Each structure stands twice: as structure tokens, then as C-alpha cells.
Amino acid sequence: LINKVRITREVLDELPRLKYIGELATGYNNIDLEAARERGIVVCNIPAYSTDSVAQHVFALLLNVATRADHYARAVRQGEWSRQRDFCYWDTPLIELAGKTIGIVGLGSSDLPEWIRKTTLEGLLSTSDVITLHCPLTAGNTRMINAGTLAMVHPGAILINTGRGGLVDEQAVAAALESGQLAAYCADVLTDEPPRPDNPLFRQSNAYITPHIAWATREARQRLMVVCVENIRRFIAGNPQNVV
């Protein structure tokens, strides 16, 4: 049972009796699936256990950009409001989200409601006020958000990433933040975790990074363990579930 541990072909060569790998997460790009299949090793993940928690985190990040709640709560604690002559003050733009268009990249196995319109990636990037990434990291979409695709985004868009850090070129995102092409970048994931202290995003005041916690509510972790146990039970019974 693993989480984020790299299981390579070389690791599997050292484990001739291994029959089952349980990924204690939804993403499984850390496992060499081809090598596992060649050896008849069953690989199971735990899908959808944190869907509600991750969605909640996405909107926490988005609402923070719109209202700058963190900024103003900190300013009040530091006495900034007390020093004002007026009953209120603000020193940042405040955004109303009503009427804005949100583009979701990766809806998984969701049944699409009627009010969601499918489009191409290019169409989504060019028409969305908010772009949020929810797809797994694959060889085909690594750094899908790069200098070229960021040029398609209309200036002032907000980009959110709770999928995988490798979906974006972090240097290109930092440049887009500095130029104003992006109004904000919100992420719960980075390419390297824990990150290097010289990550280019850390120099951008409009980058809002949280330390990979969107999945980590107590409720989500309880669901994860329930499914983990059931995955093992079903494997032992010869009827595995959530096989990837």
C-alpha cells in the first residue's frame, strides 16, 4: 500500500512475489503500469474519495482571489482598519464572480448536467474567466499549460490547479502572472513536492499556493481508508475493484 512512492520497473524486479499494489490516492502516475501488467500485478487506486473536499478547496482559493479575505483579515489584525477615517477601506480590486465563465479541464466520469457545454481546450482557454484543472497527469498532457496555451487565455483570467503540478509549466505561469496575462494562479500542487525554495511562483504576489491539502479533510481520509480496505477484501476474494 503506497502513496506517492515511485514503483518503477527496477523496483518491481526486486519484488518477484508481489501480487497487489494499492495506491492510497486517486492519481497513480508514480507506478509503472506497463511493468506491473507484464508481471500480472493488480494495481488499484481509490477514485473520487476526495471529490467534495477538492471542489471545496477550489472555491476557497477562487473566493480568496475574488475577495482577498486573507489579505484583509491580516490587515485588520495589524490595525489597518483602526487607522482609517472612513467606516471601510480596501486597497485591492474586489471581484464579483456572478456571470463569469468557469472552464473545467477534466470532468472525470461525471455525468454532465445540461448547463455544462463541452468545448475544445483552445475554446475553453479563450472564453473562460476562471480555468480550473482536474485531470490526471499523463505523458500527453504534461505542461499542457505553457507559454503557447497561456497566450490563448484572455488577459486577466484566473488559473486554478488542484490536479497535478506537472500539468503546468511553472516558469511560464510565473511569467504570465508578472505580465498580467493571468490575474492569479491558485494551486494546491507543484511539480516538485516539497518545493524548492527558489520556485519562480513564490516570487509572484498573485500566486496563491497551498501545501497539497485539498484532499486532506478528515471526512475524505475516512472514506479513503474504507475504500482501501474494501479494495483489499475484493482482491483477496478474486474480484478486484478500482483496477487501473
C-alpha atoms as a PDB file:
ATOM      1  CA  LEU A   1       0.000   0.000   0.000  1.00  0.00           C
ATOM      2  CA  ILE A   2       1.643   3.185  -1.185  1.00  0.00           C
ATOM      3  CA  ASN A   3       1.126   6.889  -1.724  1.00  0.00           C
ATOM      4  CA  LYS A   4       3.456   8.888  -3.986  1.00  0.00           C
ATOM      5  CA  VAL A   5       6.211   6.249  -3.741  1.00  0.00           C
ATOM      6  CA  ARG A   6       7.780   5.587  -7.132  1.00  0.00           C
ATOM      7  CA  ILE A   7       7.211   1.988  -8.244  1.00  0.00           C
ATOM      8  CA  THR A   8       9.449   1.580 -11.272  1.00  0.00           C
ATOM      9  CA  ARG A   9      10.307  -1.435 -13.390  1.00  0.00           C
ATOM     10  CA  GLU A  10      13.544  -1.728 -11.427  1.00  0.00           C
ATOM     11  CA  VAL A  11      11.666  -1.770  -8.110  1.00  0.00           C
ATOM     12  CA  LEU A  12       9.326  -4.469  -9.413  1.00  0.00           C
ATOM     13  CA  ASP A  13      12.316  -6.569 -10.491  1.00  0.00           C
ATOM     14  CA  GLU A  14      13.237  -6.770  -6.808  1.00  0.00           C
ATOM     15  CA  LEU A  15       9.743  -7.942  -5.787  1.00  0.00           C
ATOM     16  CA  PRO A  16       9.122 -11.291  -7.517  1.00  0.00           C
ATOM     17  CA  ARG A  17       6.323 -12.299  -5.085  1.00  0.00           C
ATOM     18  CA  LEU A  18       4.356  -9.041  -5.367  1.00  0.00           C
ATOM     19  CA  LYS A  19       0.744  -9.572  -6.443  1.00  0.00           C
ATOM     20  CA  TYR A  20      -1.052  -6.365  -5.491  1.00  0.00           C
ATOM     21  CA  ILE A  21      -0.309  -2.625  -5.316  1.00  0.00           C
ATOM     22  CA  GLY A  22      -2.849  -0.420  -3.579  1.00  0.00           C
ATOM     23  CA  GLU A  23      -2.432   3.277  -4.380  1.00  0.00           C
ATOM     24  CA  LEU A  24      -3.826   5.230  -1.422  1.00  0.00           C
ATOM     25  CA  ALA A  25      -4.829   8.075  -3.713  1.00  0.00           C
ATOM     26  CA  THR A  26      -6.633   8.727  -6.976  1.00  0.00           C
ATOM     27  CA  GLY A  27      -3.551   9.538  -9.080  1.00  0.00           C
ATOM     28  CA  TYR A  28      -1.246   6.638  -9.959  1.00  0.00           C
ATOM     29  CA  ASN A  29       1.323   8.191 -12.303  1.00  0.00           C
ATOM     30  CA  ASN A  30       4.002   7.103  -9.801  1.00  0.00           C
ATOM     31  CA  ILE A  31       3.531   3.451 -10.820  1.00  0.00           C
ATOM     32  CA  ASP A  32       4.920   1.824 -13.973  1.00  0.00           C
ATOM     33  CA  LEU A  33       1.627   0.237 -15.025  1.00  0.00           C
ATOM     34  CA  GLU A  34       3.071  -1.470 -18.083  1.00  0.00           C
ATOM     35  CA  ALA A  35       5.687  -3.252 -15.989  1.00  0.00           C
ATOM     36  CA  ALA A  36       3.048  -4.214 -13.441  1.00  0.00           C
ATOM     37  CA  ARG A  37       0.777  -5.695 -16.124  1.00  0.00           C
ATOM     38  CA  GLU A  38       3.658  -7.695 -17.587  1.00  0.00           C
ATOM     39  CA  ARG A  39       4.123  -9.321 -14.178  1.00  0.00           C
ATOM     40  CA  GLY A  40       0.406  -9.883 -13.552  1.00  0.00           C
ATOM     41  CA  ILE A  41       0.366  -7.442 -10.642  1.00  0.00           C
ATOM     42  CA  VAL A  42      -3.048  -5.939  -9.871  1.00  0.00           C
ATOM     43  CA  VAL A  43      -2.937  -2.174  -9.299  1.00  0.00           C
ATOM     44  CA  CYS A  44      -5.908  -0.486  -7.644  1.00  0.00           C
ATOM     45  CA  ASN A  45      -6.477   3.152  -6.748  1.00  0.00           C
ATOM     46  CA  ILE A  46      -9.090   4.984  -4.685  1.00  0.00           C
ATOM     47  CA  PRO A  47     -11.116   7.201  -7.012  1.00  0.00           C
ATOM     48  CA  ALA A  48     -13.444  10.012  -6.016  1.00  0.00           C
ATOM     49  CA  TYR A  49     -12.911   9.777  -2.254  1.00  0.00           C
ATOM     50  CA  SER A  50     -11.928  13.465  -2.053  1.00  0.00           C
ATOM     51  CA  THR A  51     -14.138  14.957  -4.773  1.00  0.00           C
ATOM     52  CA  ASP A  52     -16.176  17.113  -2.419  1.00  0.00           C
ATOM     53  CA  SER A  53     -13.128  18.225  -0.437  1.00  0.00           C
ATOM     54  CA  VAL A  54     -11.175  19.183  -3.560  1.00  0.00           C
ATOM     55  CA  ALA A  55     -14.141  21.089  -5.000  1.00  0.00           C
ATOM     56  CA  GLN A  56     -14.448  22.918  -1.693  1.00  0.00           C
ATOM     57  CA  HIS A  57     -10.754  23.833  -1.839  1.00  0.00           C
ATOM     58  CA  VAL A  58     -11.054  25.096  -5.397  1.00  0.00           C
ATOM     59  CA  PHE A  59     -13.766  27.526  -4.383  1.00  0.00           C
ATOM     60  CA  ALA A  60     -11.872  28.538  -1.245  1.00  0.00           C
ATOM     61  CA  LEU A  61      -8.960  29.561  -3.477  1.00  0.00           C
ATOM     62  CA  LEU A  62     -11.221  31.260  -6.012  1.00  0.00           C
ATOM     63  CA  LEU A  63     -13.208  33.197  -3.421  1.00  0.00           C
ATOM     64  CA  ASN A  64      -9.991  34.304  -1.768  1.00  0.00           C
ATOM     65  CA  VAL A  65      -8.800  35.800  -5.059  1.00  0.00           C
ATOM     66  CA  ALA A  66     -12.161  37.491  -5.583  1.00  0.00           C
ATOM     67  CA  THR A  67     -12.481  38.968  -2.086  1.00  0.00           C
ATOM     68  CA  ARG A  68      -8.877  38.824  -0.781  1.00  0.00           C
ATOM     69  CA  ALA A  69     -10.199  37.618   2.565  1.00  0.00           C
ATOM     70  CA  ASP A  70      -6.724  36.539   3.717  1.00  0.00           C
ATOM     71  CA  HIS A  71      -5.267  39.959   2.919  1.00  0.00           C
ATOM     72  CA  TYR A  72      -7.964  41.918   4.716  1.00  0.00           C
ATOM     73  CA  ALA A  73      -8.132  39.636   7.755  1.00  0.00           C
ATOM     74  CA  ARG A  74      -4.368  40.047   8.167  1.00  0.00           C
ATOM     75  CA  ALA A  75      -4.615  43.822   7.690  1.00  0.00           C
ATOM     76  CA  VAL A  76      -7.327  44.129  10.347  1.00  0.00           C
ATOM     77  CA  ARG A  77      -5.209  42.178  12.826  1.00  0.00           C
ATOM     78  CA  GLN A  78      -2.344  44.563  12.096  1.00  0.00           C
ATOM     79  CA  GLY A  79      -4.530  47.571  12.902  1.00  0.00           C
ATOM     80  CA  GLU A  80      -5.009  48.887   9.369  1.00  0.00           C
ATOM     81  CA  TRP A  81      -8.781  49.277   9.672  1.00  0.00           C
ATOM     82  CA  SER A  82      -8.429  51.025  13.022  1.00  0.00           C
ATOM     83  CA  ARG A  83      -6.266  53.671  11.388  1.00  0.00           C
ATOM     84  CA  GLN A  84      -8.875  54.578   8.762  1.00  0.00           C
ATOM     85  CA  ARG A  85     -11.079  57.684   8.916  1.00  0.00           C
ATOM     86  CA  ASP A  86     -13.906  56.018   6.950  1.00  0.00           C
ATOM     87  CA  PHE A  87     -16.090  53.101   8.021  1.00  0.00           C
ATOM     88  CA  CYS A  88     -14.385  50.799   5.499  1.00  0.00           C
ATOM     89  CA  TYR A  89     -11.366  50.607   3.256  1.00  0.00           C
ATOM     90  CA  TRP A  90      -9.947  48.450   0.506  1.00  0.00           C
ATOM     91  CA  ASP A  91      -6.686  48.628  -1.374  1.00  0.00           C
ATOM     92  CA  THR A  92      -7.121  45.796  -3.890  1.00  0.00           C
ATOM     93  CA  PRO A  93      -9.620  45.145  -6.671  1.00  0.00           C
ATOM     94  CA  LEU A  94     -12.675  43.207  -5.485  1.00  0.00           C
ATOM     95  CA  ILE A  95     -14.288  40.852  -7.990  1.00  0.00           C
ATOM     96  CA  GLU A  96     -17.884  39.680  -8.297  1.00  0.00           C
ATOM     97  CA  LEU A  97     -17.995  36.161  -9.709  1.00  0.00           C
ATOM     98  CA  ALA A  98     -21.644  36.209 -10.784  1.00  0.00           C
ATOM     99  CA  GLY A  99     -21.872  35.999 -14.565  1.00  0.00           C
ATOM    100  CA  LYS A 100     -18.291  34.809 -15.037  1.00  0.00           C
ATOM    101  CA  THR A 101     -17.457  31.711 -17.083  1.00  0.00           C
ATOM    102  CA  ILE A 102     -15.566  28.837 -15.442  1.00  0.00           C
ATOM    103  CA  GLY A 103     -13.755  26.319 -17.619  1.00  0.00           C
ATOM    104  CA  ILE A 104     -13.200  22.866 -16.097  1.00  0.00           C
ATOM    105  CA  VAL A 105     -10.420  20.806 -17.662  1.00  0.00           C
ATOM    106  CA  GLY A 106     -11.166  17.195 -16.763  1.00  0.00           C
ATOM    107  CA  LEU A 107     -14.619  16.186 -15.531  1.00  0.00           C
ATOM    108  CA  GLY A 108     -13.662  12.557 -14.924  1.00  0.00           C
ATOM    109  CA  SER A 109     -16.574  10.155 -15.087  1.00  0.00           C
ATOM    110  CA  SER A 110     -19.116  12.822 -14.243  1.00  0.00           C
ATOM    111  CA  ASP A 111     -22.461  12.825 -15.974  1.00  0.00           C
ATOM    112  CA  LEU A 112     -22.590  16.291 -17.443  1.00  0.00           C
ATOM    113  CA  PRO A 113     -25.557  18.446 -16.435  1.00  0.00           C
ATOM    114  CA  GLU A 114     -27.336  20.294 -19.193  1.00  0.00           C
ATOM    115  CA  TRP A 115     -25.809  23.645 -18.268  1.00  0.00           C
ATOM    116  CA  ILE A 116     -22.242  22.436 -18.933  1.00  0.00           C
ATOM    117  CA  ARG A 117     -21.103  22.942 -22.509  1.00  0.00           C
ATOM    118  CA  LYS A 118     -18.315  20.809 -23.913  1.00  0.00           C
ATOM    119  CA  THR A 119     -15.595  22.515 -25.903  1.00  0.00           C
ATOM    120  CA  THR A 120     -12.011  22.100 -27.053  1.00  0.00           C
ATOM    121  CA  LEU A 121      -9.100  23.065 -24.821  1.00  0.00           C
ATOM    122  CA  GLU A 122      -8.415  26.021 -27.076  1.00  0.00           C
ATOM    123  CA  GLY A 123     -12.028  27.129 -26.889  1.00  0.00           C
ATOM    124  CA  LEU A 124     -12.073  26.750 -23.120  1.00  0.00           C
ATOM    125  CA  LEU A 125      -8.886  28.743 -22.631  1.00  0.00           C
ATOM    126  CA  SER A 126     -10.025  31.592 -24.854  1.00  0.00           C
ATOM    127  CA  THR A 127     -13.503  32.007 -23.348  1.00  0.00           C
ATOM    128  CA  SER A 128     -13.127  31.275 -19.620  1.00  0.00           C
ATOM    129  CA  ASP A 129     -12.700  33.846 -16.873  1.00  0.00           C
ATOM    130  CA  VAL A 130     -11.669  31.056 -14.490  1.00  0.00           C
ATOM    131  CA  ILE A 131      -9.799  27.922 -15.634  1.00  0.00           C
ATOM    132  CA  THR A 132      -9.544  25.009 -13.216  1.00  0.00           C
ATOM    133  CA  LEU A 133      -7.506  21.848 -13.849  1.00  0.00           C
ATOM    134  CA  HIS A 134      -8.822  18.482 -12.625  1.00  0.00           C
ATOM    135  CA  CYS A 135      -7.210  15.958 -14.960  1.00  0.00           C
ATOM    136  CA  PRO A 136      -4.644  13.261 -14.164  1.00  0.00           C
ATOM    137  CA  LEU A 137      -1.046  13.806 -15.235  1.00  0.00           C
ATOM    138  CA  THR A 138      -0.188  11.751 -18.315  1.00  0.00           C
ATOM    139  CA  ALA A 139       2.551  11.726 -20.915  1.00  0.00           C
ATOM    140  CA  GLY A 140       0.170  13.533 -23.266  1.00  0.00           C
ATOM    141  CA  ASN A 141      -0.760  16.451 -21.021  1.00  0.00           C
ATOM    142  CA  THR A 142       2.463  17.209 -19.153  1.00  0.00           C
ATOM    143  CA  ARG A 143       2.892  21.009 -19.181  1.00  0.00           C
ATOM    144  CA  MET A 144      -0.331  21.414 -21.125  1.00  0.00           C
ATOM    145  CA  ILE A 145      -0.452  24.936 -19.680  1.00  0.00           C
ATOM    146  CA  ASN A 146       2.640  26.563 -21.162  1.00  0.00           C
ATOM    147  CA  ALA A 147       3.671  29.768 -22.867  1.00  0.00           C
ATOM    148  CA  GLY A 148       1.776  28.797 -26.019  1.00  0.00           C
ATOM    149  CA  THR A 149      -1.511  27.861 -24.371  1.00  0.00           C
ATOM    150  CA  LEU A 150      -1.312  30.776 -21.939  1.00  0.00           C
ATOM    151  CA  ALA A 151      -1.223  33.094 -24.953  1.00  0.00           C
ATOM    152  CA  MET A 152      -4.735  31.829 -25.795  1.00  0.00           C
ATOM    153  CA  VAL A 153      -6.104  32.921 -22.410  1.00  0.00           C
ATOM    154  CA  HIS A 154      -7.805  36.284 -22.342  1.00  0.00           C
ATOM    155  CA  PRO A 155      -5.900  38.745 -20.139  1.00  0.00           C
ATOM    156  CA  GLY A 156      -6.901  38.782 -16.504  1.00  0.00           C
ATOM    157  CA  ALA A 157      -8.096  35.170 -16.250  1.00  0.00           C
ATOM    158  CA  ILE A 158      -7.666  33.158 -13.055  1.00  0.00           C
ATOM    159  CA  LEU A 159      -5.969  29.745 -13.295  1.00  0.00           C
ATOM    160  CA  ILE A 160      -6.525  27.076 -10.616  1.00  0.00           C
ATOM    161  CA  ASN A 161      -4.683  23.765 -10.377  1.00  0.00           C
ATOM    162  CA  THR A 162      -5.664  21.062  -7.904  1.00  0.00           C
ATOM    163  CA  GLY A 163      -4.754  18.224 -10.289  1.00  0.00           C
ATOM    164  CA  ARG A 164      -1.011  17.743 -10.574  1.00  0.00           C
ATOM    165  CA  GLY A 165       1.813  20.273 -10.592  1.00  0.00           C
ATOM    166  CA  GLY A 166       3.224  18.831 -13.810  1.00  0.00           C
ATOM    167  CA  LEU A 167       0.158  19.957 -15.770  1.00  0.00           C
ATOM    168  CA  VAL A 168       1.659  23.442 -15.926  1.00  0.00           C
ATOM    169  CA  ASP A 169       4.987  24.965 -16.878  1.00  0.00           C
ATOM    170  CA  GLU A 170       5.586  26.868 -13.655  1.00  0.00           C
ATOM    171  CA  GLN A 171       8.087  29.259 -15.206  1.00  0.00           C
ATOM    172  CA  ALA A 172       5.597  30.182 -17.933  1.00  0.00           C
ATOM    173  CA  VAL A 173       2.818  30.649 -15.364  1.00  0.00           C
ATOM    174  CA  ALA A 174       5.072  32.913 -13.293  1.00  0.00           C
ATOM    175  CA  ALA A 175       5.813  34.988 -16.408  1.00  0.00           C
ATOM    176  CA  ALA A 176       2.089  35.235 -17.198  1.00  0.00           C
ATOM    177  CA  LEU A 177       1.403  36.458 -13.669  1.00  0.00           C
ATOM    178  CA  GLU A 178       4.121  39.072 -13.942  1.00  0.00           C
ATOM    179  CA  SER A 179       2.873  40.336 -17.308  1.00  0.00           C
ATOM    180  CA  GLY A 180      -0.770  40.444 -16.219  1.00  0.00           C
ATOM    181  CA  GLN A 181      -1.880  37.795 -18.712  1.00  0.00           C
ATOM    182  CA  LEU A 182      -3.057  35.893 -15.640  1.00  0.00           C
ATOM    183  CA  ALA A 183      -4.676  37.787 -12.777  1.00  0.00           C
ATOM    184  CA  ALA A 184      -3.937  34.970 -10.345  1.00  0.00           C
ATOM    185  CA  TYR A 185      -2.679  31.412 -10.120  1.00  0.00           C
ATOM    186  CA  CYS A 186      -4.108  29.232  -7.348  1.00  0.00           C
ATOM    187  CA  ALA A 187      -2.592  25.811  -6.805  1.00  0.00           C
ATOM    188  CA  ASP A 188      -2.580  23.044  -4.250  1.00  0.00           C
ATOM    189  CA  VAL A 189       0.042  21.098  -6.197  1.00  0.00           C
ATOM    190  CA  LEU A 190       3.504  21.822  -7.552  1.00  0.00           C
ATOM    191  CA  THR A 191       5.865  19.970  -9.871  1.00  0.00           C
ATOM    192  CA  ASP A 192       8.242  19.180  -7.005  1.00  0.00           C
ATOM    193  CA  GLU A 193       6.765  18.407  -3.600  1.00  0.00           C
ATOM    194  CA  PRO A 194       8.001  19.614  -1.220  1.00  0.00           C
ATOM    195  CA  PRO A 195       9.017  22.501  -3.493  1.00  0.00           C
ATOM    196  CA  ARG A 196      12.399  24.109  -3.881  1.00  0.00           C
ATOM    197  CA  PRO A 197      12.529  27.479  -2.119  1.00  0.00           C
ATOM    198  CA  ASP A 198      13.500  29.156  -5.401  1.00  0.00           C
ATOM    199  CA  ASN A 199      10.320  28.085  -7.214  1.00  0.00           C
ATOM    200  CA  PRO A 200       9.520  31.018  -9.559  1.00  0.00           C
ATOM    201  CA  LEU A 201       5.899  31.130  -8.413  1.00  0.00           C
ATOM    202  CA  PHE A 202       6.939  32.111  -4.896  1.00  0.00           C
ATOM    203  CA  ARG A 203       8.123  35.492  -6.165  1.00  0.00           C
ATOM    204  CA  GLN A 204       4.677  36.376  -7.523  1.00  0.00           C
ATOM    205  CA  SER A 205       2.294  38.124  -5.130  1.00  0.00           C
ATOM    206  CA  ASN A 206      -0.699  36.910  -7.156  1.00  0.00           C
ATOM    207  CA  ALA A 207       0.246  33.231  -6.821  1.00  0.00           C
ATOM    208  CA  TYR A 208      -1.713  31.530  -4.051  1.00  0.00           C
ATOM    209  CA  ILE A 209      -0.183  28.161  -3.217  1.00  0.00           C
ATOM    210  CA  THR A 210      -1.412  25.739  -0.567  1.00  0.00           C
ATOM    211  CA  PRO A 211       0.646  22.676   0.510  1.00  0.00           C
ATOM    212  CA  HIS A 212      -1.264  19.803  -1.160  1.00  0.00           C
ATOM    213  CA  ILE A 213      -4.088  19.730   1.390  1.00  0.00           C
ATOM    214  CA  ALA A 214      -7.235  19.789  -0.770  1.00  0.00           C
ATOM    215  CA  TRP A 215      -7.699  16.040  -0.265  1.00  0.00           C
ATOM    216  CA  ALA A 216      -6.892  16.004   3.443  1.00  0.00           C
ATOM    217  CA  THR A 217     -10.153  16.695   5.261  1.00  0.00           C
ATOM    218  CA  ARG A 218     -10.884  14.159   7.977  1.00  0.00           C
ATOM    219  CA  GLU A 219     -14.012  13.050   6.130  1.00  0.00           C
ATOM    220  CA  ALA A 220     -12.119  12.396   2.889  1.00  0.00           C
ATOM    221  CA  ARG A 221      -9.404  10.436   4.675  1.00  0.00           C
ATOM    222  CA  GLN A 222     -12.013   8.296   6.390  1.00  0.00           C
ATOM    223  CA  ARG A 223     -13.583   7.490   3.007  1.00  0.00           C
ATOM    224  CA  LEU A 224     -10.130   6.663   1.629  1.00  0.00           C
ATOM    225  CA  MET A 225      -9.493   4.077   4.330  1.00  0.00           C
ATOM    226  CA  VAL A 226     -12.911   2.466   3.899  1.00  0.00           C
ATOM    227  CA  VAL A 227     -12.301   2.010   0.164  1.00  0.00           C
ATOM    228  CA  CYS A 228      -8.718   0.854   0.759  1.00  0.00           C
ATOM    229  CA  VAL A 229      -9.952  -1.989   2.982  1.00  0.00           C
ATOM    230  CA  GLU A 230     -12.709  -2.917   0.527  1.00  0.00           C
ATOM    231  CA  ASN A 231     -10.196  -2.955  -2.370  1.00  0.00           C
ATOM    232  CA  ILE A 232      -8.058  -5.446  -0.461  1.00  0.00           C
ATOM    233  CA  ARG A 233     -11.056  -7.579   0.541  1.00  0.00           C
ATOM    234  CA  ARG A 234     -12.256  -7.754  -3.061  1.00  0.00           C
ATOM    235  CA  PHE A 235      -8.761  -8.626  -4.326  1.00  0.00           C
ATOM    236  CA  ILE A 236      -8.433 -11.488  -1.849  1.00  0.00           C
ATOM    237  CA  ALA A 237     -11.865 -12.715  -2.891  1.00  0.00           C
ATOM    238  CA  GLY A 238     -10.744 -12.794  -6.515  1.00  0.00           C
ATOM    239  CA  ASN A 239     -12.975  -9.959  -7.672  1.00  0.00           C
ATOM    240  CA  PRO A 240     -10.825  -6.826  -7.509  1.00  0.00           C
ATOM    241  CA  GLN A 241     -12.347  -3.373  -7.867  1.00  0.00           C
ATOM    242  CA  ASN A 242     -10.909   0.008  -8.915  1.00  0.00           C
ATOM    243  CA  VAL A 243      -8.300  -1.725 -11.050  1.00  0.00           C
ATOM    244  CA  VAL A 244      -6.233   0.721 -13.111  1.00  0.00           C
END
